[in-house]
Amino acid sequence: MSDSCILCQAPLKYLESPKMMRCEICGRSFEGHAVCENGHYVCDECHASPAEGVVRSVVLASTSKNPLEIAEQIMASSFVHMHGPEHHFIVGASLLCAYSNTYG
């Protein structure tokens, strides 16, 4: 398990006791023990999802207008492998996300 948020790469904070939180990716509520410093909670199922889920979650949560910044955030995830097939759609996803964040 990673010690950083898969959405924003901020360090995780581990809670002393579980609390109900809404997953930033799937929207379902779970009792969780970890949240990032920016308040993001990602459930275990989404956290373990393949790289396509990471790409989807990053572009849906991003407010960046810089496609390179978005692509680098995606590639920083441990679920995105250097030579994996996910690199075929990271560029397109990052460009579309930046365009949407710029022009709505």
N, C-alpha and C. Protein backbone atom coordinates (compact mmCIF):
# COMPACT_ATOMS: atom_id res chain seq x y z
N MET A 1 0.84 -1.18 0.00
CA MET A 1 0.00 0.00 0.00
C MET A 1 0.88 1.24 0.00
N SER A 2 0.46 2.22 -0.74
CA SER A 2 1.20 3.46 -0.88
C SER A 2 0.98 4.37 0.32
N ASP A 3 1.94 5.24 0.59
CA ASP A 3 1.79 6.21 1.67
C ASP A 3 1.43 7.59 1.14
N SER A 4 0.93 7.65 -0.10
CA SER A 4 0.50 8.93 -0.66
C SER A 4 -0.82 8.76 -1.38
N CYS A 5 -1.55 9.85 -1.49
CA CYS A 5 -2.86 9.87 -2.13
C CYS A 5 -2.72 9.62 -3.63
N ILE A 6 -3.56 8.74 -4.18
CA ILE A 6 -3.48 8.48 -5.62
C ILE A 6 -4.10 9.61 -6.42
N LEU A 7 -4.80 10.54 -5.78
CA LEU A 7 -5.39 11.67 -6.49
C LEU A 7 -4.47 12.87 -6.55
N CYS A 8 -3.83 13.19 -5.40
CA CYS A 8 -3.04 14.42 -5.35
C CYS A 8 -1.61 14.21 -4.86
N GLN A 9 -1.24 12.99 -4.52
CA GLN A 9 0.10 12.61 -4.07
C GLN A 9 0.46 13.16 -2.69
N ALA A 10 -0.49 13.76 -1.98
CA ALA A 10 -0.22 14.25 -0.62
C ALA A 10 -0.04 13.07 0.32
N PRO A 11 0.72 13.25 1.39
CA PRO A 11 0.90 12.16 2.36
C PRO A 11 -0.42 11.76 3.01
N LEU A 12 -0.52 10.48 3.36
CA LEU A 12 -1.71 9.98 4.03
C LEU A 12 -1.61 10.19 5.53
N LYS A 13 -2.74 10.44 6.16
CA LYS A 13 -2.85 10.51 7.61
C LYS A 13 -3.67 9.31 8.04
N TYR A 14 -3.18 8.57 9.01
CA TYR A 14 -3.90 7.40 9.51
C TYR A 14 -4.64 7.77 10.78
N LEU A 15 -5.93 7.48 10.80
CA LEU A 15 -6.80 7.82 11.92
C LEU A 15 -6.70 6.78 13.03
N GLU A 16 -6.89 7.21 14.28
CA GLU A 16 -6.84 6.28 15.41
C GLU A 16 -8.02 5.32 15.40
N SER A 17 -9.18 5.81 14.97
CA SER A 17 -10.35 4.95 14.87
C SER A 17 -11.03 5.23 13.53
N PRO A 18 -11.71 4.22 12.98
CA PRO A 18 -12.33 4.41 11.66
C PRO A 18 -13.48 5.40 11.72
N LYS A 19 -13.70 6.08 10.59
CA LYS A 19 -14.87 6.95 10.48
C LYS A 19 -15.47 6.79 9.10
N MET A 20 -16.75 7.10 8.97
CA MET A 20 -17.44 6.99 7.69
C MET A 20 -16.95 8.10 6.77
N MET A 21 -16.54 7.70 5.56
CA MET A 21 -16.04 8.66 4.58
C MET A 21 -16.55 8.25 3.21
N ARG A 22 -16.68 9.24 2.32
CA ARG A 22 -17.12 9.01 0.96
C ARG A 22 -15.92 8.92 0.04
N CYS A 23 -15.84 7.84 -0.73
CA CYS A 23 -14.73 7.64 -1.66
C CYS A 23 -14.78 8.69 -2.76
N GLU A 24 -13.65 9.34 -3.01
CA GLU A 24 -13.55 10.39 -4.03
C GLU A 24 -13.72 9.83 -5.44
N ILE A 25 -13.52 8.53 -5.61
CA ILE A 25 -13.57 7.93 -6.94
C ILE A 25 -14.94 7.34 -7.25
N CYS A 26 -15.43 6.44 -6.40
CA CYS A 26 -16.69 5.75 -6.69
C CYS A 26 -17.89 6.39 -6.02
N GLY A 27 -17.66 7.25 -5.04
CA GLY A 27 -18.75 7.94 -4.37
C GLY A 27 -19.45 7.15 -3.28
N ARG A 28 -19.06 5.90 -3.07
CA ARG A 28 -19.68 5.09 -2.02
C ARG A 28 -19.06 5.45 -0.67
N SER A 29 -19.81 5.18 0.40
CA SER A 29 -19.33 5.47 1.75
C SER A 29 -18.84 4.21 2.43
N PHE A 30 -17.74 4.35 3.15
CA PHE A 30 -17.11 3.24 3.86
C PHE A 30 -16.54 3.76 5.17
N GLU A 31 -16.31 2.84 6.10
CA GLU A 31 -15.51 3.18 7.26
C GLU A 31 -14.06 3.09 6.83
N GLY A 32 -13.33 4.15 7.04
CA GLY A 32 -11.93 4.16 6.61
C GLY A 32 -11.01 4.59 7.71
N HIS A 33 -9.73 4.26 7.54
CA HIS A 33 -8.70 4.58 8.52
C HIS A 33 -7.68 5.57 8.01
N ALA A 34 -7.76 5.92 6.71
CA ALA A 34 -6.73 6.78 6.14
C ALA A 34 -7.36 7.82 5.22
N VAL A 35 -6.83 9.03 5.30
CA VAL A 35 -7.25 10.14 4.46
C VAL A 35 -5.99 10.94 4.16
N CYS A 36 -5.92 11.57 3.00
CA CYS A 36 -4.73 12.36 2.71
C CYS A 36 -4.82 13.71 3.41
N GLU A 37 -3.72 14.43 3.43
CA GLU A 37 -3.67 15.74 4.07
C GLU A 37 -4.64 16.74 3.44
N ASN A 38 -5.05 16.48 2.20
CA ASN A 38 -6.00 17.37 1.52
C ASN A 38 -7.45 16.89 1.68
N GLY A 39 -7.65 15.85 2.48
CA GLY A 39 -8.99 15.37 2.77
C GLY A 39 -9.55 14.33 1.83
N HIS A 40 -8.75 13.85 0.87
CA HIS A 40 -9.24 12.82 -0.06
C HIS A 40 -9.26 11.46 0.62
N TYR A 41 -10.37 10.75 0.45
CA TYR A 41 -10.47 9.36 0.89
C TYR A 41 -10.72 8.50 -0.33
N VAL A 42 -9.96 7.44 -0.48
CA VAL A 42 -10.14 6.49 -1.58
C VAL A 42 -10.31 5.12 -0.96
N CYS A 43 -11.43 4.45 -1.28
CA CYS A 43 -11.71 3.13 -0.71
C CYS A 43 -10.68 2.10 -1.19
N ASP A 44 -10.62 0.99 -0.47
CA ASP A 44 -9.65 -0.05 -0.80
C ASP A 44 -9.84 -0.59 -2.22
N GLU A 45 -11.09 -0.75 -2.63
CA GLU A 45 -11.35 -1.29 -3.97
C GLU A 45 -10.83 -0.36 -5.06
N CYS A 46 -11.12 0.92 -4.92
CA CYS A 46 -10.64 1.89 -5.92
C CYS A 46 -9.13 2.07 -5.84
N HIS A 47 -8.60 2.01 -4.64
CA HIS A 47 -7.16 2.17 -4.46
C HIS A 47 -6.41 1.04 -5.14
N ALA A 48 -7.03 -0.12 -5.21
CA ALA A 48 -6.39 -1.28 -5.82
C ALA A 48 -6.76 -1.45 -7.29
N SER A 49 -7.51 -0.49 -7.85
CA SER A 49 -7.96 -0.62 -9.23
C SER A 49 -6.78 -0.51 -10.19
N PRO A 50 -6.97 -0.99 -11.40
CA PRO A 50 -5.88 -0.90 -12.39
C PRO A 50 -5.61 0.54 -12.82
N ALA A 51 -4.61 0.71 -13.61
CA ALA A 51 -4.16 2.04 -14.04
C ALA A 51 -5.25 2.84 -14.72
N GLU A 52 -6.14 2.19 -15.45
CA GLU A 52 -7.23 2.93 -16.10
C GLU A 52 -8.08 3.67 -15.07
N GLY A 53 -8.29 3.06 -13.92
CA GLY A 53 -9.04 3.70 -12.85
C GLY A 53 -8.30 4.90 -12.30
N VAL A 54 -6.98 4.81 -12.23
CA VAL A 54 -6.18 5.93 -11.77
C VAL A 54 -6.30 7.10 -12.74
N VAL A 55 -6.18 6.80 -14.03
CA VAL A 55 -6.30 7.86 -15.04
C VAL A 55 -7.67 8.53 -14.91
N ARG A 56 -8.70 7.73 -14.83
CA ARG A 56 -10.06 8.26 -14.71
C ARG A 56 -10.20 9.11 -13.45
N SER A 57 -9.72 8.61 -12.33
CA SER A 57 -9.90 9.34 -11.07
C SER A 57 -9.12 10.65 -11.06
N VAL A 58 -7.91 10.65 -11.61
CA VAL A 58 -7.12 11.88 -11.63
C VAL A 58 -7.77 12.93 -12.51
N VAL A 59 -8.19 12.56 -13.72
CA VAL A 59 -8.77 13.57 -14.60
C VAL A 59 -10.12 14.07 -14.09
N LEU A 60 -10.88 13.24 -13.40
CA LEU A 60 -12.15 13.69 -12.86
C LEU A 60 -11.96 14.62 -11.65
N ALA A 61 -10.87 14.45 -10.92
CA ALA A 61 -10.63 15.26 -9.73
C ALA A 61 -9.77 16.49 -10.01
N SER A 62 -9.07 16.51 -11.12
CA SER A 62 -8.12 17.58 -11.41
C SER A 62 -8.81 18.90 -11.75
N THR A 63 -8.20 19.97 -11.30
CA THR A 63 -8.64 21.32 -11.69
C THR A 63 -7.54 22.02 -12.51
N SER A 64 -6.48 21.29 -12.78
CA SER A 64 -5.34 21.86 -13.51
C SER A 64 -5.70 22.16 -14.96
N LYS A 65 -5.11 23.22 -15.49
CA LYS A 65 -5.27 23.58 -16.89
C LYS A 65 -4.02 23.24 -17.69
N ASN A 66 -3.08 22.56 -17.03
CA ASN A 66 -1.79 22.21 -17.63
C ASN A 66 -1.76 20.71 -17.92
N PRO A 67 -1.81 20.29 -19.20
CA PRO A 67 -1.84 18.86 -19.51
C PRO A 67 -0.59 18.11 -19.05
N LEU A 68 0.56 18.76 -19.06
CA LEU A 68 1.78 18.09 -18.60
C LEU A 68 1.69 17.80 -17.10
N GLU A 69 1.18 18.75 -16.35
CA GLU A 69 1.02 18.56 -14.90
C GLU A 69 0.05 17.40 -14.62
N ILE A 70 -1.02 17.32 -15.39
CA ILE A 70 -2.00 16.25 -15.21
C ILE A 70 -1.37 14.91 -15.55
N ALA A 71 -0.66 14.84 -16.68
CA ALA A 71 0.00 13.59 -17.08
C ALA A 71 1.03 13.15 -16.04
N GLU A 72 1.80 14.09 -15.51
CA GLU A 72 2.80 13.74 -14.49
C GLU A 72 2.14 13.23 -13.22
N GLN A 73 1.00 13.80 -12.86
CA GLN A 73 0.28 13.33 -11.68
C GLN A 73 -0.19 11.89 -11.90
N ILE A 74 -0.70 11.60 -13.09
CA ILE A 74 -1.13 10.24 -13.40
C ILE A 74 0.05 9.28 -13.35
N MET A 75 1.16 9.67 -14.00
CA MET A 75 2.32 8.78 -14.08
C MET A 75 3.01 8.58 -12.73
N ALA A 76 2.75 9.46 -11.76
CA ALA A 76 3.35 9.32 -10.44
C ALA A 76 2.73 8.19 -9.64
N SER A 77 1.55 7.73 -10.04
CA SER A 77 0.89 6.65 -9.32
C SER A 77 1.65 5.34 -9.46
N SER A 78 1.70 4.59 -8.39
CA SER A 78 2.39 3.29 -8.44
C SER A 78 1.62 2.28 -9.29
N PHE A 79 0.37 2.57 -9.64
CA PHE A 79 -0.41 1.67 -10.47
C PHE A 79 -0.12 1.87 -11.96
N VAL A 80 0.56 2.96 -12.30
CA VAL A 80 0.89 3.25 -13.70
C VAL A 80 2.34 2.82 -13.91
N HIS A 81 2.52 1.81 -14.74
CA HIS A 81 3.85 1.25 -14.95
C HIS A 81 4.54 1.92 -16.13
N MET A 82 5.85 2.04 -16.03
CA MET A 82 6.63 2.77 -17.01
C MET A 82 6.36 2.31 -18.45
N HIS A 83 6.27 1.03 -18.67
CA HIS A 83 6.08 0.52 -20.02
C HIS A 83 4.70 -0.10 -20.22
N GLY A 84 3.74 0.31 -19.39
CA GLY A 84 2.40 -0.25 -19.47
C GLY A 84 1.58 0.34 -20.60
N PRO A 85 0.53 -0.34 -21.01
CA PRO A 85 -0.31 0.13 -22.10
C PRO A 85 -1.09 1.39 -21.76
N GLU A 86 -1.17 1.72 -20.50
CA GLU A 86 -1.92 2.91 -20.09
C GLU A 86 -1.32 4.20 -20.67
N HIS A 87 -0.05 4.17 -21.04
CA HIS A 87 0.57 5.37 -21.62
C HIS A 87 -0.04 5.75 -22.97
N HIS A 88 -0.73 4.82 -23.60
CA HIS A 88 -1.37 5.11 -24.89
C HIS A 88 -2.51 6.10 -24.75
N PHE A 89 -3.16 6.13 -23.59
CA PHE A 89 -4.28 7.06 -23.45
C PHE A 89 -4.05 8.15 -22.41
N ILE A 90 -2.90 8.19 -21.76
CA ILE A 90 -2.62 9.24 -20.79
C ILE A 90 -2.56 10.61 -21.46
N VAL A 91 -1.93 10.70 -22.63
CA VAL A 91 -1.80 11.98 -23.32
C VAL A 91 -3.17 12.53 -23.68
N GLY A 92 -3.99 11.70 -24.30
CA GLY A 92 -5.32 12.14 -24.69
C GLY A 92 -6.17 12.54 -23.48
N ALA A 93 -6.12 11.75 -22.44
CA ALA A 93 -6.89 12.06 -21.23
C ALA A 93 -6.42 13.36 -20.60
N SER A 94 -5.12 13.58 -20.56
CA SER A 94 -4.56 14.80 -19.97
C SER A 94 -4.94 16.04 -20.79
N LEU A 95 -4.87 15.92 -22.12
CA LEU A 95 -5.24 17.04 -22.98
C LEU A 95 -6.72 17.38 -22.86
N LEU A 96 -7.56 16.36 -22.87
CA LEU A 96 -9.00 16.60 -22.74
C LEU A 96 -9.36 17.20 -21.38
N CYS A 97 -8.70 16.72 -20.34
CA CYS A 97 -8.94 17.25 -19.00
C CYS A 97 -8.54 18.73 -18.92
N ALA A 98 -7.35 19.06 -19.41
CA ALA A 98 -6.88 20.45 -19.39
C ALA A 98 -7.80 21.34 -20.21
N TYR A 99 -8.23 20.87 -21.36
CA TYR A 99 -9.16 21.64 -22.21
C TYR A 99 -10.47 21.89 -21.47
N SER A 100 -11.01 20.83 -20.87
CA SER A 100 -12.26 20.97 -20.13
C SER A 100 -12.12 21.92 -18.94
N ASN A 101 -10.99 21.84 -18.24
CA ASN A 101 -10.77 22.73 -17.10
C ASN A 101 -10.55 24.19 -17.54
N THR A 102 -10.10 24.38 -18.76
CA THR A 102 -9.87 25.73 -19.27
C THR A 102 -11.15 26.35 -19.84
N TYR A 103 -11.88 25.55 -20.62
CA TYR A 103 -13.03 26.09 -21.34
C TYR A 103 -14.38 25.59 -20.83
N GLY A 104 -14.36 24.70 -19.85
CA GLY A 104 -15.64 24.20 -19.30
C GLY A 104 -16.15 23.11 -20.13
